[in-house]
Structures are given as structure tokens and as C-alpha cells.
Amino acid sequence: MPQPARRAAPVLARAAMLASMALAMALGLALPSPALAQDAKIGRQKAQPCTVCHGANGLSQQPDAPHLAGQPAYYLSTQ
């Protein structure tokens, strides 16, 4: 039965490599750049299109658009 073990080793190595690549990509996307994270002016510019539906302060005036201010973090992350 040595043959199945030989075939399993490359499969396991590839799975481990893919898992480590996925973890590296997820961490790269999850960790914002400190320079951009602290620049409020850029944040306001990026959020400008959202204010049409969600309001300037995150409090929607439209019945079909949820508030962005005051929502639980879980709600926001799942949306």
C-alpha cells in the first residue's frame, strides 16, 4: 500500500499551499494601510456616493435604505 501514500503527499502539499495563500490574501485585504485609514478627507470622498441613500451622517431618510450609523457591527459586516 505505499502507492496511495505517494499520491496523497502532493495533494496534501498543494492543499497546504493553497490554504496558506488564502490566509495571506485574507490578511492583506483585512489590514488597511495606516496612511489611508487615518485620512478622513479620503474617507469622506469615498463615502460621498453613499450619502445619497444613507444620509450624510449615516441616518437614512429613505424607508428602503438602512441606517449605517448606530447599527451593530455584526449587522454591518453581514450586509
N, C-alpha and C. Protein backbone atom coordinates (compact mmCIF):
# COMPACT_ATOMS: atom_id res chain seq x y z
N MET A 1 0.79 -1.20 0.00
CA MET A 1 0.00 0.00 0.00
C MET A 1 0.84 1.28 0.00
N PRO A 2 2.07 1.27 -0.41
CA PRO A 2 2.83 2.51 -0.45
C PRO A 2 2.38 3.47 -1.54
N GLN A 3 1.75 2.99 -2.60
CA GLN A 3 1.36 3.87 -3.69
C GLN A 3 0.34 4.93 -3.29
N PRO A 4 -0.73 4.62 -2.54
CA PRO A 4 -1.66 5.68 -2.15
C PRO A 4 -0.98 6.76 -1.31
N ALA A 5 -0.02 6.39 -0.49
CA ALA A 5 0.67 7.38 0.32
C ALA A 5 1.47 8.33 -0.56
N ARG A 6 2.05 7.82 -1.63
CA ARG A 6 2.81 8.68 -2.54
C ARG A 6 1.90 9.67 -3.25
N ARG A 7 0.71 9.24 -3.60
CA ARG A 7 -0.22 10.13 -4.28
C ARG A 7 -0.80 11.16 -3.33
N ALA A 8 -0.97 10.81 -2.08
CA ALA A 8 -1.57 11.73 -1.12
C ALA A 8 -0.64 12.86 -0.74
N ALA A 9 0.65 12.63 -0.73
CA ALA A 9 1.60 13.66 -0.31
C ALA A 9 1.52 14.91 -1.18
N PRO A 10 1.53 14.82 -2.52
CA PRO A 10 1.42 16.04 -3.33
C PRO A 10 0.08 16.74 -3.16
N VAL A 11 -0.98 15.97 -2.97
CA VAL A 11 -2.30 16.56 -2.78
C VAL A 11 -2.33 17.35 -1.48
N LEU A 12 -1.79 16.78 -0.42
CA LEU A 12 -1.75 17.47 0.86
C LEU A 12 -0.85 18.70 0.81
N ALA A 13 0.27 18.59 0.10
CA ALA A 13 1.17 19.73 -0.02
C ALA A 13 0.49 20.86 -0.78
N ARG A 14 -0.22 20.51 -1.83
CA ARG A 14 -0.92 21.55 -2.60
C ARG A 14 -2.03 22.19 -1.77
N ALA A 15 -2.76 21.39 -1.01
CA ALA A 15 -3.83 21.93 -0.15
C ALA A 15 -3.25 22.87 0.89
N ALA A 16 -2.11 22.51 1.47
CA ALA A 16 -1.47 23.36 2.46
C ALA A 16 -1.00 24.67 1.83
N MET A 17 -0.47 24.59 0.61
CA MET A 17 0.00 25.79 -0.09
C MET A 17 -1.18 26.71 -0.41
N LEU A 18 -2.28 26.14 -0.89
CA LEU A 18 -3.45 26.95 -1.20
C LEU A 18 -4.04 27.59 0.05
N ALA A 19 -4.05 26.86 1.15
CA ALA A 19 -4.56 27.40 2.41
C ALA A 19 -3.70 28.55 2.89
N SER A 20 -2.38 28.41 2.78
CA SER A 20 -1.50 29.49 3.23
C SER A 20 -1.62 30.70 2.32
N MET A 21 -1.82 30.49 1.02
CA MET A 21 -2.02 31.61 0.11
C MET A 21 -3.33 32.33 0.40
N ALA A 22 -4.39 31.58 0.69
CA ALA A 22 -5.67 32.18 1.02
C ALA A 22 -5.58 32.98 2.31
N LEU A 23 -4.87 32.46 3.29
CA LEU A 23 -4.69 33.19 4.54
C LEU A 23 -3.91 34.48 4.32
N ALA A 24 -2.86 34.42 3.53
CA ALA A 24 -2.06 35.62 3.25
C ALA A 24 -2.90 36.67 2.51
N MET A 25 -3.71 36.24 1.57
CA MET A 25 -4.56 37.19 0.84
C MET A 25 -5.61 37.79 1.76
N ALA A 26 -6.21 36.99 2.62
CA ALA A 26 -7.22 37.50 3.54
C ALA A 26 -6.63 38.51 4.50
N LEU A 27 -5.44 38.24 5.01
CA LEU A 27 -4.81 39.19 5.92
C LEU A 27 -4.42 40.47 5.18
N GLY A 28 -3.99 40.34 3.95
CA GLY A 28 -3.63 41.52 3.17
C GLY A 28 -4.83 42.41 2.91
N LEU A 29 -5.99 41.82 2.71
CA LEU A 29 -7.20 42.60 2.48
C LEU A 29 -7.78 43.15 3.78
N ALA A 30 -7.58 42.45 4.88
CA ALA A 30 -8.17 42.85 6.15
C ALA A 30 -7.38 43.95 6.85
N LEU A 31 -6.10 44.04 6.57
CA LEU A 31 -5.28 45.03 7.24
C LEU A 31 -5.15 46.28 6.38
N PRO A 32 -5.81 47.37 6.75
CA PRO A 32 -5.73 48.58 5.94
C PRO A 32 -4.38 49.26 6.07
N SER A 33 -4.06 50.02 5.08
CA SER A 33 -2.83 50.81 5.12
C SER A 33 -3.00 51.90 6.16
N PRO A 34 -2.05 52.08 7.08
CA PRO A 34 -2.18 53.11 8.12
C PRO A 34 -2.36 54.50 7.55
N ALA A 35 -1.71 54.82 6.45
CA ALA A 35 -1.82 56.16 5.88
C ALA A 35 -3.23 56.41 5.37
N LEU A 36 -3.84 55.43 4.72
CA LEU A 36 -5.18 55.62 4.19
C LEU A 36 -6.24 55.54 5.28
N ALA A 37 -6.03 54.69 6.27
CA ALA A 37 -7.02 54.52 7.33
C ALA A 37 -7.19 55.79 8.15
N GLN A 38 -6.17 56.61 8.23
CA GLN A 38 -6.23 57.80 9.07
C GLN A 38 -6.57 59.07 8.30
N ASP A 39 -6.75 58.97 7.01
CA ASP A 39 -7.02 60.15 6.21
C ASP A 39 -8.53 60.33 6.08
N ALA A 40 -9.11 61.17 6.93
CA ALA A 40 -10.56 61.38 6.97
C ALA A 40 -11.06 62.02 5.68
N LYS A 41 -10.26 62.85 5.06
CA LYS A 41 -10.69 63.52 3.83
C LYS A 41 -10.94 62.50 2.71
N ILE A 42 -10.04 61.53 2.58
CA ILE A 42 -10.22 60.48 1.57
C ILE A 42 -11.46 59.65 1.90
N GLY A 43 -11.67 59.38 3.17
CA GLY A 43 -12.84 58.61 3.60
C GLY A 43 -14.14 59.33 3.26
N ARG A 44 -14.18 60.63 3.49
CA ARG A 44 -15.38 61.40 3.15
C ARG A 44 -15.63 61.38 1.64
N GLN A 45 -14.57 61.48 0.86
CA GLN A 45 -14.72 61.46 -0.60
C GLN A 45 -15.25 60.10 -1.06
N LYS A 46 -14.73 59.03 -0.50
CA LYS A 46 -15.17 57.69 -0.89
C LYS A 46 -16.61 57.43 -0.46
N ALA A 47 -17.05 58.01 0.64
CA ALA A 47 -18.40 57.78 1.16
C ALA A 47 -19.44 58.69 0.52
N GLN A 48 -19.02 59.67 -0.28
CA GLN A 48 -19.95 60.63 -0.87
C GLN A 48 -21.09 59.96 -1.64
N PRO A 49 -20.84 58.96 -2.48
CA PRO A 49 -21.97 58.33 -3.18
C PRO A 49 -22.96 57.65 -2.23
N CYS A 50 -22.51 57.21 -1.07
CA CYS A 50 -23.38 56.52 -0.11
C CYS A 50 -24.35 57.47 0.56
N THR A 51 -24.00 58.76 0.65
CA THR A 51 -24.84 59.71 1.36
C THR A 51 -26.17 59.94 0.65
N VAL A 52 -26.23 59.66 -0.62
CA VAL A 52 -27.49 59.84 -1.36
C VAL A 52 -28.59 58.99 -0.72
N CYS A 53 -28.31 57.75 -0.41
CA CYS A 53 -29.32 56.86 0.16
C CYS A 53 -29.26 56.79 1.69
N HIS A 54 -28.04 56.82 2.24
CA HIS A 54 -27.87 56.57 3.67
C HIS A 54 -27.73 57.83 4.51
N GLY A 55 -27.77 59.01 3.90
CA GLY A 55 -27.69 60.27 4.64
C GLY A 55 -26.26 60.66 4.95
N ALA A 56 -26.05 61.95 5.16
CA ALA A 56 -24.70 62.49 5.41
C ALA A 56 -24.09 61.96 6.70
N ASN A 57 -24.92 61.71 7.70
CA ASN A 57 -24.41 61.21 8.99
C ASN A 57 -24.70 59.73 9.19
N GLY A 58 -25.09 59.04 8.12
CA GLY A 58 -25.39 57.62 8.23
C GLY A 58 -26.81 57.33 8.69
N LEU A 59 -27.65 58.36 8.78
CA LEU A 59 -29.04 58.18 9.19
C LEU A 59 -29.92 58.42 7.97
N SER A 60 -30.43 57.34 7.43
CA SER A 60 -31.19 57.37 6.19
C SER A 60 -32.51 58.09 6.36
N GLN A 61 -32.89 58.84 5.34
CA GLN A 61 -34.20 59.48 5.29
C GLN A 61 -35.15 58.70 4.39
N GLN A 62 -34.63 57.65 3.74
CA GLN A 62 -35.44 56.84 2.84
C GLN A 62 -35.86 55.56 3.55
N PRO A 63 -37.10 55.13 3.38
CA PRO A 63 -37.57 53.94 4.09
C PRO A 63 -36.91 52.64 3.65
N ASP A 64 -36.41 52.57 2.42
CA ASP A 64 -35.82 51.32 1.95
C ASP A 64 -34.30 51.25 2.12
N ALA A 65 -33.69 52.28 2.67
CA ALA A 65 -32.23 52.28 2.90
C ALA A 65 -31.98 52.23 4.41
N PRO A 66 -31.21 51.26 4.87
CA PRO A 66 -30.96 51.16 6.32
C PRO A 66 -30.00 52.24 6.81
N HIS A 67 -30.10 52.55 8.09
CA HIS A 67 -29.14 53.45 8.72
C HIS A 67 -27.77 52.77 8.75
N LEU A 68 -26.72 53.52 8.54
CA LEU A 68 -25.37 52.99 8.71
C LEU A 68 -24.81 53.38 10.07
N ALA A 69 -25.31 54.44 10.65
CA ALA A 69 -24.88 54.86 11.98
C ALA A 69 -25.77 54.18 13.02
N GLY A 70 -25.18 53.66 14.04
CA GLY A 70 -25.94 53.06 15.12
C GLY A 70 -26.32 51.61 14.89
N GLN A 71 -25.89 51.01 13.81
CA GLN A 71 -26.17 49.60 13.59
C GLN A 71 -25.10 48.76 14.28
N PRO A 72 -25.47 47.57 14.76
CA PRO A 72 -24.46 46.69 15.36
C PRO A 72 -23.41 46.28 14.31
N ALA A 73 -22.20 46.05 14.75
CA ALA A 73 -21.11 45.67 13.86
C ALA A 73 -21.45 44.40 13.10
N TYR A 74 -22.10 43.44 13.74
CA TYR A 74 -22.46 42.19 13.07
C TYR A 74 -23.40 42.46 11.89
N TYR A 75 -24.37 43.33 12.09
CA TYR A 75 -25.30 43.66 11.02
C TYR A 75 -24.56 44.26 9.84
N LEU A 76 -23.68 45.21 10.10
CA LEU A 76 -22.94 45.87 9.02
C LEU A 76 -22.02 44.90 8.29
N SER A 77 -21.35 44.03 9.02
CA SER A 77 -20.41 43.12 8.38
C SER A 77 -21.14 42.08 7.54
N THR A 78 -22.33 41.67 7.93
CA THR A 78 -23.06 40.68 7.14
C THR A 78 -23.75 41.30 5.94
N GLN A 79 -24.00 42.58 5.98
CA GLN A 79 -24.64 43.24 4.84
C GLN A 79 -23.62 43.48 3.77
